[in-house]
Amino acid sequence: MTTITQVRVKARRQPRAKVRRVKRLTVLAVALVCGYFLFAVFGPLFTADPLARTGDPLAGPSAAHWFGTDHLGRDLLSRVASGARVSILVAVLSVGIGLVFALPLGICAGYFAGRWPDELIMRVFEAIQTVPLFVFAMVVLGITGVTSFHLGPIEVSAAGKIVLLIAIAATPYFARVARAATLAEVQEDYISALRLIGVSRRRIILGELLVNVLPPVIVQSCLWMSVAVFAEGALGFLGVGVQPPTPTLGGVIADATRYMMAGAWWYCVMPGLVLLVATVGFGLLGDAANDLLDRGER
């Protein structure tokens, strides 16, 4: 029979176990993300020219070439570092643009829930969500091509198109999270009190709702960083992402697949590991942030 003392001990142990899990998860996520950031930002500064032939073709990892060389004798470390920089730039810009548009629209939809602004905004986002990201990207890139194009007086580069496509795909998800958080906040007593004393709608939205809606949206943005890095790599692998001579992680992996049977395992494994670290790191960071947010609410 379980005694009252045992129940109390279990009740004390469970929160501590969860705290330890959250701490381990947070440390691992921060280590992976920071390591990827440092590699992407500073790696290209201290490595060889990614376009220069500095060694023998398909040479394995060595002191001269830590990641080995590719089929043209170019240093694989420098090419992977440059590709990681492209991936992180695409991910940060796409998530940032998505947040800029999604936050005000999601808060507006939640604040006017059930009225025409809410219906209009959410119906548009539902239409965008019906098309998967890769299908949407392939259709747009098939129409506009994989090179830069002019949108009126503005020239949109190949990387810019990838950023905009991922941002458009991410915006509905950010907006839905912002709307749900806003719906929960407008039910609170302090919002009713602010309305009663005559506080303007603008001050309520910018001064109160925006601050309280940000935490869950930040969690979603961490998860979408993982999606954006993977999407950029996948589009590069399919040949519709950022075009050569700019090296990308997906492009390097695509080149490496032709030499896997020749025994050049490092050619595919090294960029694949870097892409895996980024994807898993941002995913774990979002999971850790979600756990910390739940713990803070309790």
Protein backbone atom coordinates (compact mmCIF):
# COMPACT_ATOMS: atom_id res chain seq x y z
CA MET A 1 0.00 0.00 0.00
CA THR A 2 1.28 3.45 -0.92
CA THR A 3 1.63 5.70 2.10
CA ILE A 4 1.07 9.46 2.23
CA THR A 5 4.82 9.95 2.70
CA GLN A 6 5.59 8.03 -0.52
CA VAL A 7 3.05 10.09 -2.46
CA ARG A 8 4.69 13.28 -1.20
CA VAL A 9 8.13 12.02 -2.17
CA LYS A 10 6.91 11.18 -5.68
CA ALA A 11 5.25 14.58 -6.01
CA ARG A 12 8.53 16.25 -5.10
CA ARG A 13 10.61 14.08 -7.42
CA GLN A 14 8.56 14.56 -10.58
CA PRO A 15 9.10 18.32 -10.94
CA ARG A 16 12.81 17.93 -10.19
CA ALA A 17 13.11 15.21 -12.84
CA LYS A 18 11.37 17.44 -15.36
CA VAL A 19 13.65 20.36 -14.48
CA ARG A 20 16.71 18.15 -15.02
CA ARG A 21 15.31 17.01 -18.37
CA VAL A 22 14.62 20.59 -19.43
CA LYS A 23 18.13 21.67 -18.42
CA ARG A 24 19.79 18.83 -20.32
CA LEU A 25 17.63 19.49 -23.36
CA THR A 26 18.34 23.21 -23.24
CA VAL A 27 22.10 22.73 -22.88
CA LEU A 28 22.19 20.27 -25.79
CA ALA A 29 20.02 22.51 -28.00
CA VAL A 30 22.05 25.64 -27.24
CA ALA A 31 25.32 23.76 -27.84
CA LEU A 32 24.18 22.46 -31.23
CA VAL A 33 22.70 25.79 -32.38
CA CYS A 34 25.67 27.87 -31.16
CA GLY A 35 28.11 25.43 -32.74
CA TYR A 36 26.28 25.66 -36.05
CA PHE A 37 26.12 29.47 -35.87
CA LEU A 38 29.84 29.75 -35.14
CA PHE A 39 30.70 27.33 -37.92
CA ALA A 40 28.45 29.14 -40.42
CA VAL A 41 29.52 32.68 -39.49
CA PHE A 42 33.24 32.25 -38.86
CA GLY A 43 34.03 29.08 -40.82
CA PRO A 44 34.22 30.78 -44.23
CA LEU A 45 36.56 33.42 -42.78
CA PHE A 46 39.24 30.92 -41.77
CA THR A 47 39.02 28.36 -44.54
CA ALA A 48 40.24 28.25 -48.12
CA ASP A 49 38.39 29.66 -51.10
CA PRO A 50 35.45 27.26 -51.66
CA LEU A 51 35.84 27.63 -55.44
CA ALA A 52 39.62 27.06 -55.58
CA ARG A 53 41.17 23.68 -56.34
CA THR A 54 43.56 23.17 -53.45
CA GLY A 55 44.09 19.41 -53.42
CA ASP A 56 43.71 16.11 -55.21
CA PRO A 57 40.20 15.11 -56.32
CA LEU A 58 38.29 12.96 -53.81
CA ALA A 59 41.05 13.03 -51.18
CA GLY A 60 39.94 11.79 -47.76
CA PRO A 61 40.02 13.80 -44.53
CA SER A 62 43.54 14.82 -43.54
CA ALA A 63 45.45 17.53 -41.68
CA ALA A 64 45.43 19.66 -44.83
CA HIS A 65 41.74 19.08 -45.58
CA TRP A 66 39.77 18.20 -42.45
CA PHE A 67 36.63 17.28 -44.39
CA GLY A 68 38.50 15.96 -47.42
CA THR A 69 38.10 17.30 -50.97
CA ASP A 70 35.38 17.05 -53.59
CA HIS A 71 35.56 15.61 -57.11
CA LEU A 72 37.34 18.73 -58.39
CA GLY A 73 39.89 18.93 -55.56
CA ARG A 74 38.17 21.80 -53.72
CA ASP A 75 38.38 21.91 -49.93
CA LEU A 76 35.18 20.36 -48.60
CA LEU A 77 35.38 22.14 -45.22
CA SER A 78 35.28 25.55 -46.90
CA ARG A 79 32.40 24.52 -49.15
CA VAL A 80 30.37 23.10 -46.26
CA ALA A 81 31.02 26.21 -44.14
CA SER A 82 29.91 28.47 -46.98
CA GLY A 83 26.83 26.30 -47.52
CA ALA A 84 26.01 26.49 -43.81
CA ARG A 85 26.18 30.28 -44.00
CA VAL A 86 23.72 30.30 -46.91
CA SER A 87 21.35 28.02 -44.98
CA ILE A 88 21.37 30.12 -41.82
CA LEU A 89 20.89 33.35 -43.75
CA VAL A 90 17.91 31.90 -45.61
CA ALA A 91 16.41 30.54 -42.38
CA VAL A 92 16.84 33.73 -40.34
CA LEU A 93 15.52 36.01 -43.08
CA SER A 94 12.54 33.80 -43.94
CA VAL A 95 11.49 33.35 -40.32
CA GLY A 96 12.01 37.06 -39.62
CA ILE A 97 9.88 38.12 -42.59
CA GLY A 98 7.20 35.61 -41.62
CA LEU A 99 7.08 36.98 -38.07
CA VAL A 100 6.84 40.60 -39.26
CA PHE A 101 3.68 39.82 -41.24
CA ALA A 102 2.20 37.07 -39.04
CA LEU A 103 2.28 38.81 -35.65
CA PRO A 104 0.06 41.81 -36.46
CA LEU A 105 -2.30 39.73 -38.59
CA GLY A 106 -2.59 36.96 -35.98
CA ILE A 107 -3.18 39.42 -33.14
CA CYS A 108 -5.75 41.30 -35.23
CA ALA A 109 -7.56 38.04 -36.04
CA GLY A 110 -7.62 37.03 -32.37
CA TYR A 111 -8.73 40.44 -31.13
CA PHE A 112 -11.60 40.58 -33.64
CA ALA A 113 -12.45 36.87 -33.36
CA GLY A 114 -15.69 35.97 -35.11
CA ARG A 115 -15.84 39.21 -37.08
CA TRP A 116 -14.91 39.91 -40.69
CA PRO A 117 -11.19 40.72 -40.12
CA ASP A 118 -10.75 37.35 -38.45
CA GLU A 119 -12.64 35.51 -41.17
CA LEU A 120 -10.74 37.22 -43.99
CA ILE A 121 -7.28 36.71 -42.50
CA MET A 122 -7.79 33.09 -41.52
CA ARG A 123 -9.41 32.09 -44.83
CA VAL A 124 -6.40 33.45 -46.73
CA PHE A 125 -3.99 31.59 -44.46
CA GLU A 126 -6.01 28.38 -44.78
CA ALA A 127 -5.72 28.64 -48.57
CA ILE A 128 -1.92 29.01 -48.26
CA GLN A 129 -1.69 26.02 -45.91
CA THR A 130 -3.53 23.72 -48.30
CA VAL A 131 -0.44 23.65 -50.55
CA PRO A 132 2.60 21.88 -49.04
CA LEU A 133 5.80 23.90 -48.88
CA PHE A 134 7.76 21.85 -51.41
CA VAL A 135 4.89 21.67 -53.90
CA PHE A 136 4.42 25.43 -53.59
CA ALA A 137 8.15 26.05 -54.04
CA MET A 138 8.44 23.75 -57.04
CA VAL A 139 5.47 25.39 -58.78
CA VAL A 140 6.74 28.93 -58.21
CA LEU A 141 10.32 28.08 -59.13
CA GLY A 142 9.09 26.23 -62.20
CA ILE A 143 7.26 29.35 -63.36
CA THR A 144 9.91 31.94 -62.49
CA GLY A 145 13.00 29.78 -63.07
CA VAL A 146 15.90 29.13 -60.72
CA THR A 147 17.73 32.35 -61.56
CA SER A 148 16.98 35.89 -60.48
CA PHE A 149 14.00 37.71 -61.94
CA HIS A 150 12.61 41.25 -61.95
CA LEU A 151 9.46 42.14 -60.05
CA GLY A 152 8.90 45.56 -61.54
CA PRO A 153 11.96 47.67 -60.71
CA ILE A 154 13.08 45.19 -58.03
CA GLU A 155 15.44 42.33 -58.88
CA VAL A 156 14.81 39.23 -56.79
CA SER A 157 17.79 36.88 -56.59
CA ALA A 158 17.57 33.09 -56.44
CA ALA A 159 18.28 33.16 -52.70
CA GLY A 160 15.68 35.92 -52.28
CA LYS A 161 13.04 33.71 -53.92
CA ILE A 162 13.82 30.86 -51.52
CA VAL A 163 13.54 33.25 -48.57
CA LEU A 164 10.18 34.61 -49.73
CA LEU A 165 8.76 31.15 -50.45
CA ILE A 166 9.66 29.81 -47.01
CA ALA A 167 8.42 33.03 -45.37
CA ILE A 168 5.05 32.75 -47.14
CA ALA A 169 4.74 29.11 -46.06
CA ALA A 170 5.66 29.91 -42.43
CA THR A 171 3.41 32.96 -41.99
CA PRO A 172 0.11 31.03 -41.51
CA TYR A 173 1.62 28.91 -38.74
CA PHE A 174 2.95 31.94 -36.87
CA ALA A 175 -0.36 33.75 -37.33
CA ARG A 176 -2.37 30.81 -35.98
CA VAL A 177 -0.20 30.64 -32.86
CA ALA A 178 -0.50 34.42 -32.39
CA ARG A 179 -4.26 34.25 -32.85
CA ALA A 180 -4.67 31.42 -30.32
CA ALA A 181 -2.53 33.26 -27.76
CA THR A 182 -4.50 36.47 -28.35
CA LEU A 183 -7.82 34.66 -27.89
CA ALA A 184 -6.59 33.41 -24.51
CA GLU A 185 -5.36 36.86 -23.46
CA VAL A 186 -8.50 38.82 -24.38
CA GLN A 187 -10.47 36.64 -21.97
CA GLU A 188 -8.35 37.82 -19.05
CA ASP A 189 -9.77 40.32 -16.57
CA TYR A 190 -7.02 42.88 -17.08
CA ILE A 191 -8.03 43.36 -20.73
CA SER A 192 -11.63 44.04 -19.67
CA ALA A 193 -10.36 46.47 -17.02
CA LEU A 194 -8.24 48.33 -19.59
CA ARG A 195 -11.25 48.64 -21.87
CA LEU A 196 -13.43 49.95 -19.03
CA ILE A 197 -11.02 52.73 -18.09
CA GLY A 198 -10.86 53.87 -21.70
CA VAL A 199 -7.46 52.60 -22.83
CA SER A 200 -7.27 52.74 -26.61
CA ARG A 201 -7.35 49.58 -28.70
CA ARG A 202 -3.92 50.40 -30.11
CA ARG A 203 -2.32 50.63 -26.66
CA ILE A 204 -3.95 47.38 -25.57
CA ILE A 205 -2.64 45.53 -28.63
CA LEU A 206 0.87 47.02 -28.68
CA GLY A 207 1.39 47.43 -24.96
CA GLU A 208 -0.20 44.27 -23.56
CA LEU A 209 -1.17 41.68 -26.15
CA LEU A 210 2.03 41.82 -28.19
CA VAL A 211 4.25 41.15 -25.17
CA ASN A 212 2.14 38.22 -23.95
CA VAL A 213 1.73 36.68 -27.40
CA LEU A 214 5.46 36.66 -28.20
CA PRO A 215 6.59 33.61 -26.10
CA PRO A 216 4.57 30.92 -27.95
CA VAL A 217 5.37 32.56 -31.29
CA ILE A 218 9.09 32.45 -30.46
CA VAL A 219 8.76 28.72 -29.75
CA GLN A 220 7.13 28.24 -33.15
CA SER A 221 9.85 30.32 -34.82
CA CYS A 222 12.56 28.04 -33.37
CA LEU A 223 10.80 25.02 -34.83
CA TRP A 224 10.46 26.78 -38.18
CA MET A 225 14.16 27.58 -38.22
CA SER A 226 14.68 23.83 -38.34
CA VAL A 227 12.14 23.52 -41.18
CA ALA A 228 13.74 26.42 -43.09
CA VAL A 229 17.27 24.98 -42.89
CA PHE A 230 16.02 21.60 -44.05
CA ALA A 231 13.90 23.15 -46.83
CA GLU A 232 16.83 25.16 -48.17
CA GLY A 233 18.98 22.04 -48.18
CA ALA A 234 16.28 19.96 -49.86
CA LEU A 235 15.68 22.55 -52.60
CA GLY A 236 19.43 22.76 -53.18
CA PHE A 237 19.61 18.96 -53.42
CA LEU A 238 16.84 18.98 -56.05
CA GLY A 239 18.70 21.63 -58.04
CA VAL A 240 16.10 24.40 -57.65
CA GLY A 241 17.71 26.25 -54.74
CA VAL A 242 20.60 28.68 -54.74
CA GLN A 243 22.54 27.98 -57.93
CA PRO A 244 26.27 27.32 -58.47
CA PRO A 245 28.93 28.56 -58.13
CA THR A 246 27.56 29.45 -54.66
CA PRO A 247 28.00 26.29 -52.55
CA THR A 248 25.02 25.02 -50.55
CA LEU A 249 24.67 22.03 -48.25
CA GLY A 250 22.03 20.44 -50.46
CA GLY A 251 24.06 21.11 -53.59
CA VAL A 252 27.19 19.53 -52.10
CA ILE A 253 25.21 16.44 -51.05
CA ALA A 254 23.69 16.21 -54.53
CA ASP A 255 27.18 16.26 -56.10
CA ALA A 256 28.38 13.67 -53.59
CA THR A 257 25.74 11.09 -54.47
CA ARG A 258 27.53 10.34 -57.76
CA TYR A 259 30.69 9.32 -55.91
CA MET A 260 29.29 7.31 -53.01
CA MET A 261 29.96 3.99 -54.79
CA ALA A 262 33.55 5.08 -55.38
CA GLY A 263 34.15 5.05 -51.62
CA ALA A 264 34.15 8.82 -51.06
CA TRP A 265 32.01 8.56 -47.93
CA TRP A 266 33.22 11.90 -46.50
CA TYR A 267 31.86 13.79 -49.50
CA CYS A 268 28.26 13.07 -48.48
CA VAL A 269 28.64 12.47 -44.73
CA MET A 270 30.28 15.78 -43.77
CA PRO A 271 27.65 18.16 -45.24
CA GLY A 272 24.93 15.75 -44.13
CA LEU A 273 26.14 15.88 -40.52
CA VAL A 274 26.24 19.68 -40.55
CA LEU A 275 22.70 19.80 -41.94
CA LEU A 276 21.59 17.26 -39.33
CA VAL A 277 23.13 19.29 -36.49
CA ALA A 278 21.26 22.41 -37.59
CA THR A 279 17.93 20.66 -38.06
CA VAL A 280 18.08 18.73 -34.79
CA GLY A 281 19.52 21.70 -32.86
CA PHE A 282 16.74 24.11 -33.78
CA GLY A 283 14.11 21.42 -33.24
CA LEU A 284 15.44 20.69 -29.75
CA LEU A 285 15.67 24.42 -29.03
CA GLY A 286 11.98 24.81 -29.82
CA ASP A 287 11.14 21.80 -27.66
CA ALA A 288 13.21 23.16 -24.76
CA ALA A 289 11.64 26.60 -25.10
CA ASN A 290 8.19 25.02 -25.05
CA ASP A 291 9.02 23.07 -21.88
CA LEU A 292 10.37 26.19 -20.20
CA LEU A 293 7.30 28.16 -21.22
CA ASP A 294 4.95 25.49 -19.81
CA ARG A 295 6.96 25.42 -16.60
CA GLY A 296 6.80 29.21 -16.32
CA GLU A 297 3.02 29.23 -16.77
CA ARG A 298 2.60 26.71 -13.98
